[in-house]
Structures are given as structure tokens and as C-alpha cells.
């Protein structure tokens, strides 16, 4: 039993999942796109294992909630903190989250919100939950979870001390957190930022170059925002004497960033994609299939999804040098890295790629092999569920 009201003072008995019982897994997200585009398959798999699942995320749409419900996943739309540095706003947000977890009777909580890690782990403890699993974001080389240089900009040490185990996205992040976690006696495990069922997302042959060498990017800027580095690089690109073609995927149809026709400088061809999860994945696969190289010029869930999908389908990637991508891209093997926000370097890299199309088949094979080593959904889920102690209860239910 736990206290009748979350937040009431007094001793709490921690609830932990058991191998023999149905777990009630709550996954707290700081970003709606992470929930819907990067983790949905894992949530669905937990439901298929006959466990109860609750997704808590900000900005979930009605369509999102319908998608989750159709998969047997319950949902709570999180209200944003009134002011990040407002103690009353933070306290109110923590209490709301604690009540949601307590009322749903969660037995284990995964927290994938670097900025809200301390708030969410406190809320889980307040709700009487003992099985708490933070998911850390990719870290810069030389930083650790207790450093002010991390994404959270505050100390993660108290949050890590409340954890049962910690998940990190890459082996490099595991090395970076090892020292900090040793002081807390908390174990760490790998959980890639995204994974795929590689039996259904197969490698695709490269298209013939006769119809033009296609670079595919992603446009996430809204109307009125500066153009993306990819668009700027294309504008500065000298297409004379080449068959280069440039395409950009527009996920959010509200963004009107494309300009057509008579522009003095070349611009990427716009490929509108509906943001609904199923339709978006189908369109992404169609566009990646027609490309020779996929360009990742930004950071975020959609960029991560496109990069990982490109690798899974056997496409070399040209990505910005960011800690979230370094584990995916082996320079000169399955792709290239360029400095962030440097359209000149991006344009130079595309020019160099066009000069050596003979390298693409080998890099395409290496891209798929990287996905098989890092992004295999079966292996990721097996490891994750072992840490969470989520048994497959389908045999018992049969």
C-alpha cells in the first residue's frame, strides 16, 4: 500500500515490479516527438507482453491519444512548468505528476526528460514508487551528470541517487557517467535513442545515379525562422556540371519555408509529410529510398529518426558533429560529420561526395551494418525489459 494522497508526509513503501506479475510502467517524456516517433514501438511491445503502460508527455494531440489508445497505451498530457525557475510553479508541477503516477498506481517509472529529471524523480518518490529509471541525453565529451555543462544546467546527482538504474544512449555516454554513478552505487545500461524492427525496415538498393544524385534533408524551421543550414548550403552550391538534386522533407505542414521556381539561387525541392505517426513513417521510407545521401543538419527527435532510418535502409549520412550522432556515424565508413551551423562546410562536403560516387555502395553496406549493431529493436527491447524486470506474460495469458 501507499499513502492515500501523493505528497502527504510520512513513510512510504516503495512499489517495485515483479517477474511474476503485471507491471504498471509509466514513461515520462519531456518531448512529445520522442514519445510518438522514437519510443512508440517499445511502448507497444510492453503492452504486447501483457503489461500496463502509461505515456506522460506535453503537447499530446487528440490524434496522438487516439493512436496510443488503439495500441492499448494510456496517456496523460503533462502541463508545462509555469516558470522553470519559479519554486511555486515547480512544486505545483511536481505535485501534479506525483498525483498522476499515484492515482494510476505505477510500479515503475522511466523518465526521459533531461531538463525535468530532478522534478520527475522527486515526483516518483513522492508517489511511493521505488523503481525509477532516468534516461540521460547524449553528453558532450568531458561532461558528466553532475556538471553544470550538461543539458539540465543543474545538478543531476540527487536525481541519480534516487534511481534504480540509469539508461544512457551510447557507449561513450556510459564512460562519461561511470565515475559519477560509482559514487551513487547505481548501475547504468545502454538504451539507444531510437530502434527499429530491422526485419520490416530492410536495406534498400541505392537508386541509379543517371536520374541525378539526390541529397535528402529535413526542414524543421517554421515560417519566419532562418532557413536551415541545408537550405543555405544548397543556395551556395554550384550545381553547374553536376546532376545534383536536393530535396527536403517538411514534417510540419504549418511551416512555409519553401520558395519555388524563379528564385535566383537553387533551393531544395519540398516534400510535404503529414505529421501523423503512421503516414509520416511511410513517407519517410519512400523519400529515403529515392535518395543517395541523407543530410542531418539539426538536432532533435525528428532528425534522430531520419538519421537512424537512413542507416537502417542502407543510406550514407552527412550529419552535423553532435554528441547525439557520433555513435551513429563512422567518418569515411558510413557517412561524414561537419561542424554545426556551417553551411560552407556542408556545401564543401556535398561537393566532395559528388566527386566519389564509387564510394557509396560500400558506405551503404556499412550504414546497414551499423544499424544492425546499434538499432536492432529485438536486442534493445530484450535488454531494456530485463533491466525493468518485465516478463513476457503472453504464455500465462494463453
Protein backbone atom coordinates (compact mmCIF):
# COMPACT_ATOMS: atom_id res chain seq x y z
CA UNK A 1 0.00 0.00 0.00
CA UNK A 2 1.00 3.61 -0.42
CA UNK A 3 -0.23 6.84 1.14
CA UNK A 4 -3.74 7.73 0.07
CA UNK A 5 -2.67 11.12 -1.21
CA UNK A 6 0.61 11.67 -3.04
CA UNK A 7 2.63 14.29 -1.24
CA UNK A 8 1.30 13.52 2.29
CA UNK A 9 4.10 13.41 4.78
CA UNK A 10 5.03 10.11 6.35
CA UNK A 11 6.85 6.90 5.44
CA UNK A 12 6.27 5.43 2.01
CA UNK A 13 6.55 1.83 0.94
CA UNK A 14 8.25 1.57 -2.45
CA UNK A 15 6.39 -0.35 -5.13
CA UNK A 16 8.57 -2.43 -7.43
CA UNK A 17 7.57 -4.68 -10.33
CA UNK A 18 7.85 -8.45 -10.11
CA UNK A 19 8.71 -11.01 -12.76
CA UNK A 20 5.51 -12.91 -11.96
CA UNK A 21 3.02 -10.04 -12.04
CA UNK A 22 1.69 -7.47 -14.45
CA UNK A 23 3.82 -4.34 -14.24
CA UNK A 24 2.37 -0.86 -14.49
CA UNK A 25 5.02 1.05 -16.42
CA UNK A 26 4.81 4.85 -16.62
CA UNK A 27 7.12 6.58 -19.12
CA UNK A 28 7.56 10.33 -18.52
CA UNK A 29 8.65 12.29 -21.60
CA UNK A 30 9.88 15.85 -21.85
CA UNK A 31 9.12 15.96 -25.58
CA UNK A 32 6.01 14.75 -27.38
CA UNK A 33 8.02 13.85 -30.50
CA UNK A 34 10.25 11.48 -28.51
CA UNK A 35 7.17 9.63 -27.27
CA UNK A 36 5.42 9.37 -30.63
CA UNK A 37 8.33 8.97 -33.06
CA UNK A 38 11.15 7.31 -31.11
CA UNK A 39 9.57 5.21 -28.34
CA UNK A 40 6.13 4.20 -29.58
CA UNK A 41 7.21 0.72 -30.69
CA UNK A 42 8.77 -0.01 -27.28
CA UNK A 43 5.59 1.09 -25.52
CA UNK A 44 3.56 -1.14 -27.81
CA UNK A 45 5.85 -4.08 -27.14
CA UNK A 46 5.38 -3.71 -23.38
CA UNK A 47 1.62 -3.86 -23.95
CA UNK A 48 2.05 -6.96 -26.13
CA UNK A 49 3.89 -8.53 -23.18
CA UNK A 50 0.63 -8.03 -21.21
CA UNK A 51 1.82 -5.12 -19.06
CA UNK A 52 0.01 -1.85 -18.44
CA UNK A 53 1.64 1.24 -19.95
CA UNK A 54 1.10 4.94 -19.33
CA UNK A 55 2.74 7.63 -21.51
CA UNK A 56 3.01 11.09 -19.94
CA UNK A 57 4.15 13.86 -22.28
CA UNK A 58 3.46 17.52 -23.05
CA UNK A 59 1.58 18.63 -26.15
CA UNK A 60 0.00 15.28 -26.98
CA UNK A 61 -2.68 15.90 -29.58
CA UNK A 62 -6.07 14.24 -29.79
CA UNK A 63 -4.73 12.20 -32.72
CA UNK A 64 -1.75 11.14 -30.59
CA UNK A 65 -4.02 9.97 -27.79
CA UNK A 66 -6.14 8.01 -30.26
CA UNK A 67 -3.00 6.35 -31.66
CA UNK A 68 -1.81 5.45 -28.18
CA UNK A 69 -5.21 4.19 -27.08
CA UNK A 70 -5.51 2.00 -30.18
CA UNK A 71 -2.30 0.28 -29.07
CA UNK A 72 -3.54 -0.20 -25.50
CA UNK A 73 -1.40 2.63 -24.12
CA UNK A 74 -2.93 5.10 -21.69
CA UNK A 75 -1.89 8.74 -21.87
CA UNK A 76 -1.65 11.84 -19.71
CA UNK A 77 -0.94 15.26 -21.20
CA UNK A 78 1.59 16.99 -18.99
CA UNK A 79 1.15 20.68 -18.33
CA UNK A 80 4.36 22.68 -18.68
CA UNK A 81 6.02 24.13 -15.61
CA UNK A 82 4.68 27.66 -15.14
CA UNK A 83 8.19 29.05 -14.88
CA UNK A 84 11.28 26.88 -14.80
CA UNK A 85 12.86 28.89 -12.01
CA UNK A 86 9.61 29.63 -10.17
CA UNK A 87 9.63 27.47 -6.99
CA UNK A 88 5.84 27.50 -6.75
CA UNK A 89 5.45 26.51 -10.39
CA UNK A 90 7.94 23.69 -9.98
CA UNK A 91 6.27 22.49 -6.80
CA UNK A 92 2.85 22.51 -8.49
CA UNK A 93 4.16 20.56 -11.49
CA UNK A 94 5.80 18.00 -9.22
CA UNK A 95 2.60 17.51 -7.26
CA UNK A 96 0.54 17.07 -10.43
CA UNK A 97 2.95 14.45 -11.74
CA UNK A 98 3.06 12.67 -8.38
CA UNK A 99 -0.73 12.51 -8.25
CA UNK A 100 -0.89 11.15 -11.82
CA UNK A 101 1.62 8.41 -11.02
CA UNK A 102 -0.01 7.60 -7.67
CA UNK A 103 -3.58 7.54 -8.99
CA UNK A 104 -2.57 5.28 -11.89
CA UNK A 105 -0.73 3.01 -9.40
CA UNK A 106 2.52 2.92 -11.36
CA UNK A 107 5.02 0.29 -10.23
CA UNK A 108 7.94 1.52 -12.34
CA UNK A 109 8.77 4.87 -13.93
CA UNK A 110 11.09 5.69 -16.83
CA UNK A 111 11.97 9.38 -17.04
CA UNK A 112 13.18 10.64 -20.42
CA UNK A 113 13.42 14.35 -19.69
CA UNK A 114 16.89 15.74 -19.04
CA UNK A 115 15.58 19.17 -18.06
CA UNK A 116 12.91 17.76 -15.73
CA UNK A 117 14.89 14.87 -14.30
CA UNK A 118 15.06 16.14 -10.72
CA UNK A 119 11.38 17.15 -10.70
CA UNK A 120 10.21 13.82 -12.10
CA UNK A 121 12.32 11.62 -9.83
CA UNK A 122 11.10 13.59 -6.82
CA UNK A 123 7.51 13.14 -8.01
CA UNK A 124 8.03 9.38 -8.41
CA UNK A 125 9.41 9.08 -4.90
CA UNK A 126 6.56 11.24 -3.61
CA UNK A 127 4.14 8.80 -5.25
CA UNK A 128 5.77 5.91 -3.41
CA UNK A 129 7.48 4.35 -6.44
CA UNK A 130 10.80 2.63 -5.84
CA UNK A 131 11.66 1.53 -9.39
CA UNK A 132 12.87 4.75 -11.08
CA UNK A 133 14.87 4.70 -14.31
CA UNK A 134 16.21 8.00 -15.71
CA UNK A 135 17.18 8.13 -19.38
CA UNK A 136 20.06 10.58 -19.88
CA UNK A 137 20.57 12.50 -23.12
CA UNK A 138 23.79 12.32 -25.12
CA UNK A 139 26.58 14.15 -23.30
CA UNK A 140 29.43 16.28 -24.55
CA UNK A 141 32.88 14.76 -24.17
CA UNK A 142 34.30 15.72 -20.79
CA UNK A 143 30.97 16.32 -19.07
CA UNK A 144 29.13 14.16 -16.58
CA UNK A 145 25.69 14.26 -14.99
CA UNK A 146 26.88 16.37 -12.04
CA UNK A 147 28.45 19.03 -14.27
CA UNK A 148 26.91 22.45 -14.95
CA UNK A 149 27.83 21.93 -18.60
CA UNK A 150 25.17 19.26 -19.04
CA UNK A 151 21.86 19.78 -20.75
CA UNK A 152 19.96 20.09 -17.47
CA UNK A 153 22.07 23.07 -16.33
CA UNK A 154 21.54 21.86 -12.76
CA UNK A 155 22.95 19.03 -10.71
CA UNK A 156 21.66 15.58 -11.62
CA UNK A 157 23.33 13.93 -8.63
CA UNK A 158 20.23 13.97 -6.36
CA UNK A 159 18.12 12.53 -9.18
CA UNK A 160 20.65 9.79 -9.87
CA UNK A 161 20.73 8.89 -6.19
CA UNK A 162 17.01 8.16 -6.37
CA UNK A 163 17.42 5.89 -9.41
CA UNK A 164 17.26 2.12 -9.53
CA UNK A 165 19.34 2.14 -12.72
CA UNK A 166 20.23 4.72 -15.36
CA UNK A 167 19.97 4.39 -19.14
CA UNK A 168 22.43 6.14 -21.47
CA UNK A 169 22.24 6.31 -25.29
CA UNK A 170 25.81 5.37 -26.31
CA UNK A 171 28.90 3.56 -25.00
CA UNK A 172 30.67 6.92 -24.85
CA UNK A 173 27.96 8.25 -22.53
CA UNK A 174 28.41 5.15 -20.38
CA UNK A 175 32.08 6.07 -19.94
CA UNK A 176 31.22 9.66 -19.13
CA UNK A 177 28.72 8.79 -16.40
CA UNK A 178 30.64 5.89 -14.88
CA UNK A 179 32.55 7.95 -12.33
CA UNK A 180 29.51 9.92 -11.19
CA UNK A 181 27.38 6.79 -10.88
CA UNK A 182 30.09 4.93 -8.96
CA UNK A 183 29.59 7.40 -6.12
CA UNK A 184 25.86 6.63 -6.04
CA UNK A 185 26.19 2.84 -6.41
CA UNK A 186 23.72 2.96 -9.35
CA UNK A 187 24.20 0.76 -12.41
CA UNK A 188 23.90 2.01 -15.98
CA UNK A 189 22.68 0.35 -19.17
CA UNK A 190 22.53 1.22 -22.86
CA UNK A 191 19.27 2.39 -24.43
CA UNK A 192 19.73 3.83 -27.94
CA UNK A 193 17.72 6.95 -28.70
CA UNK A 194 15.75 5.02 -31.33
CA UNK A 195 15.47 1.46 -32.62
CA UNK A 196 13.75 -0.36 -35.48
CA UNK A 197 12.38 -3.79 -36.25
CA UNK A 198 15.07 -4.46 -38.84
CA UNK A 199 13.07 -7.34 -40.27
CA UNK A 200 10.48 -4.88 -41.53
CA UNK A 201 12.83 -1.94 -42.19
CA UNK A 202 15.18 -3.57 -44.65
CA UNK A 203 18.18 -2.36 -46.60
CA UNK A 204 17.21 -0.83 -49.95
CA UNK A 205 19.40 -0.80 -53.08
CA UNK A 206 20.83 2.58 -53.99
CA UNK A 207 18.96 4.29 -56.84
CA UNK A 208 20.71 4.75 -60.17
CA UNK A 209 22.66 7.99 -60.45
CA UNK A 210 21.55 8.54 -64.04
CA UNK A 211 18.47 10.42 -62.84
CA UNK A 212 20.53 12.71 -60.62
CA UNK A 213 22.47 12.40 -57.37
CA UNK A 214 19.89 13.10 -54.65
CA UNK A 215 20.67 14.67 -51.27
CA UNK A 216 17.74 14.42 -48.86
CA UNK A 217 17.41 16.75 -45.85
CA UNK A 218 14.87 17.69 -43.20
CA UNK A 219 13.28 21.11 -42.81
CA UNK A 220 12.01 21.88 -39.32
CA UNK A 221 12.12 25.69 -39.38
CA UNK A 222 8.79 27.47 -39.12
CA UNK A 223 7.64 30.34 -41.28
CA UNK A 224 9.69 33.42 -40.45
CA UNK A 225 12.58 31.43 -38.96
CA UNK A 226 16.01 31.46 -40.62
CA UNK A 227 16.49 28.87 -43.32
CA UNK A 228 18.10 25.60 -42.32
CA UNK A 229 21.85 25.05 -42.88
CA UNK A 230 20.97 22.52 -45.58
CA UNK A 231 18.85 25.08 -47.46
CA UNK A 232 21.59 27.70 -47.10
CA UNK A 233 24.23 25.24 -48.30
CA UNK A 234 22.13 24.40 -51.33
CA UNK A 235 21.78 28.11 -52.07
CA UNK A 236 25.56 28.46 -52.10
CA UNK A 237 26.12 25.27 -54.06
CA UNK A 238 27.50 25.47 -57.58
CA UNK A 239 25.36 22.98 -59.49
CA UNK A 240 26.98 23.65 -62.86
CA UNK A 241 28.38 20.49 -64.39
CA UNK A 242 26.68 18.22 -61.82
CA UNK A 243 23.48 16.22 -61.69
CA UNK A 244 22.94 17.03 -58.02
CA UNK A 245 19.35 17.27 -56.84
CA UNK A 246 18.27 18.47 -53.41
CA UNK A 247 15.13 17.53 -51.56
CA UNK A 248 13.93 18.50 -48.12
CA UNK A 249 11.22 16.82 -46.04
CA UNK A 250 8.75 19.19 -44.41
CA UNK A 251 7.13 17.43 -41.43
CA UNK A 252 5.04 20.28 -40.05
CA UNK A 253 2.70 21.48 -42.76
CA UNK A 254 2.27 24.83 -41.00
CA UNK A 255 5.81 25.76 -41.96
CA UNK A 256 6.01 27.71 -45.22
CA UNK A 257 9.75 27.79 -45.64
CA UNK A 258 9.96 26.72 -49.27
CA UNK A 259 10.27 29.18 -52.10
CA UNK A 260 9.83 27.95 -55.61
CA UNK A 261 10.55 28.48 -59.19
CA UNK A 262 12.26 31.68 -60.11
CA UNK A 263 14.49 32.03 -57.05
CA UNK A 264 17.91 33.26 -58.07
CA UNK A 265 19.62 30.57 -56.02
CA UNK A 266 18.82 26.84 -56.06
CA UNK A 267 16.62 25.61 -53.23
CA UNK A 268 15.72 22.12 -52.08
CA UNK A 269 12.61 20.58 -53.56
CA UNK A 270 9.89 20.49 -50.90
CA UNK A 271 8.46 17.09 -49.88
CA UNK A 272 5.48 17.66 -47.55
CA UNK A 273 4.91 14.90 -45.00
CA UNK A 274 1.90 14.64 -42.70
CA UNK A 275 2.91 14.56 -39.01
CA UNK A 276 0.59 11.64 -38.11
CA UNK A 277 2.85 8.79 -37.00
CA UNK A 278 1.87 6.04 -39.43
CA UNK A 279 1.64 8.28 -42.50
CA UNK A 280 4.89 10.02 -41.63
CA UNK A 281 6.89 6.78 -41.35
CA UNK A 282 5.55 5.55 -44.69
CA UNK A 283 6.50 8.80 -46.41
CA UNK A 284 9.92 8.95 -44.77
CA UNK A 285 10.76 5.47 -46.03
CA UNK A 286 9.62 6.40 -49.55
CA UNK A 287 11.80 9.51 -49.62
CA UNK A 288 14.86 7.82 -48.09
CA UNK A 289 14.53 5.01 -50.65
CA UNK A 290 14.89 7.53 -53.51
CA UNK A 291 17.94 9.30 -52.00
CA UNK A 292 21.67 8.61 -52.27
CA UNK A 293 22.79 10.55 -49.18
CA UNK A 294 20.70 11.76 -46.23
CA UNK A 295 21.69 15.11 -44.71
CA UNK A 296 21.12 15.76 -40.98
CA UNK A 297 21.72 19.44 -40.23
CA UNK A 298 19.84 19.82 -36.92
CA UNK A 299 19.28 18.18 -33.55
CA UNK A 300 16.03 16.75 -32.26
CA UNK A 301 13.78 13.70 -32.32
CA UNK A 302 12.81 14.05 -35.98
CA UNK A 303 16.42 14.46 -37.07
CA UNK A 304 17.40 11.44 -34.99
CA UNK A 305 14.59 9.41 -36.51
CA UNK A 306 15.59 10.31 -40.08
CA UNK A 307 19.27 9.57 -39.42
CA UNK A 308 18.54 6.16 -37.89
CA UNK A 309 16.06 5.28 -40.65
CA UNK A 310 18.67 6.19 -43.27
CA UNK A 311 21.19 3.81 -41.68
CA UNK A 312 18.62 1.03 -41.39
CA UNK A 313 17.75 1.39 -45.09
CA UNK A 314 21.42 1.50 -46.11
CA UNK A 315 21.97 5.16 -46.87
CA UNK A 316 25.17 7.05 -46.01
CA UNK A 317 24.54 10.10 -43.84
CA UNK A 318 26.09 13.56 -43.84
CA UNK A 319 25.44 14.87 -40.32
CA UNK A 320 26.50 17.69 -38.07
CA UNK A 321 29.09 16.81 -35.46
CA UNK A 322 26.93 16.45 -32.35
CA UNK A 323 27.28 14.02 -29.41
CA UNK A 324 23.88 12.52 -30.23
CA UNK A 325 25.15 11.46 -33.68
CA UNK A 326 28.77 10.45 -33.15
CA UNK A 327 27.89 6.91 -32.21
CA UNK A 328 25.87 6.54 -35.41
CA UNK A 329 28.37 7.97 -37.90
CA UNK A 330 31.80 6.47 -38.55
CA UNK A 331 33.52 9.14 -40.63
CA UNK A 332 34.52 7.82 -44.03
CA UNK A 333 32.88 4.45 -43.36
CA UNK A 334 29.12 5.02 -43.33
CA UNK A 335 28.99 8.80 -43.52
CA UNK A 336 30.56 12.15 -42.75
CA UNK A 337 30.45 14.75 -39.94
CA UNK A 338 30.63 18.53 -40.43
CA UNK A 339 30.64 21.40 -37.90
CA UNK A 340 27.17 22.56 -36.81
CA UNK A 341 25.70 25.73 -38.36
CA UNK A 342 28.39 25.87 -41.04
CA UNK A 343 26.69 25.86 -44.43
CA UNK A 344 30.01 26.40 -46.19
CA UNK A 345 31.42 23.18 -44.69
CA UNK A 346 28.19 21.41 -45.58
CA UNK A 347 28.38 22.59 -49.19
CA UNK A 348 32.05 21.56 -49.42
CA UNK A 349 31.20 18.11 -48.06
CA UNK A 350 28.45 17.64 -50.66
CA UNK A 351 30.86 18.71 -53.40
CA UNK A 352 33.40 16.14 -52.19
CA UNK A 353 30.75 13.41 -52.08
CA UNK A 354 29.75 14.11 -55.68
CA UNK A 355 33.35 13.56 -56.78
CA UNK A 356 33.46 9.99 -55.41
CA UNK A 357 30.16 8.24 -56.14
CA UNK A 358 32.09 4.97 -56.34
CA UNK A 359 32.36 5.01 -52.52
CA UNK A 360 28.62 4.92 -51.96
CA UNK A 361 27.92 1.16 -52.28
CA UNK A 362 30.46 0.25 -49.59
CA UNK A 363 29.24 3.06 -47.33
CA UNK A 364 25.65 1.94 -47.83
CA UNK A 365 26.54 -1.57 -46.64
CA UNK A 366 28.39 -0.09 -43.65
CA UNK A 367 25.34 2.03 -42.81
CA UNK A 368 23.11 -1.04 -42.63
CA UNK A 369 25.69 -2.92 -40.57
CA UNK A 370 25.83 -0.04 -38.10
CA UNK A 371 22.05 -0.21 -37.74
CA UNK A 372 22.22 -3.95 -37.13
CA UNK A 373 24.76 -3.43 -34.35
CA UNK A 374 23.14 -0.42 -32.67
CA UNK A 375 19.47 -0.15 -33.65
CA UNK A 376 18.05 -3.66 -33.58
CA UNK A 377 14.71 -3.38 -31.80
CA UNK A 378 14.67 -7.01 -30.68
CA UNK A 379 18.01 -6.69 -28.89
CA UNK A 380 17.15 -3.29 -27.40
CA UNK A 381 13.80 -4.46 -26.02
CA UNK A 382 15.26 -7.67 -24.62
CA UNK A 383 17.92 -5.71 -22.73
CA UNK A 384 15.51 -2.99 -21.57
CA UNK A 385 12.86 -5.41 -20.33
CA UNK A 386 15.47 -7.44 -18.47
CA UNK A 387 16.55 -4.34 -16.55
CA UNK A 388 12.91 -3.37 -15.90
CA UNK A 389 12.04 -6.96 -14.96
CA UNK A 390 9.20 -7.08 -17.46
CA UNK A 391 8.44 -10.71 -18.21
CA UNK A 392 6.59 -11.87 -21.29
CA UNK A 393 3.22 -12.82 -19.81
CA UNK A 394 1.61 -13.91 -23.09
CA UNK A 395 2.19 -17.59 -22.34
CA UNK A 396 0.43 -17.20 -18.98
CA UNK A 397 -2.45 -15.37 -20.63
CA UNK A 398 -2.92 -18.02 -23.33
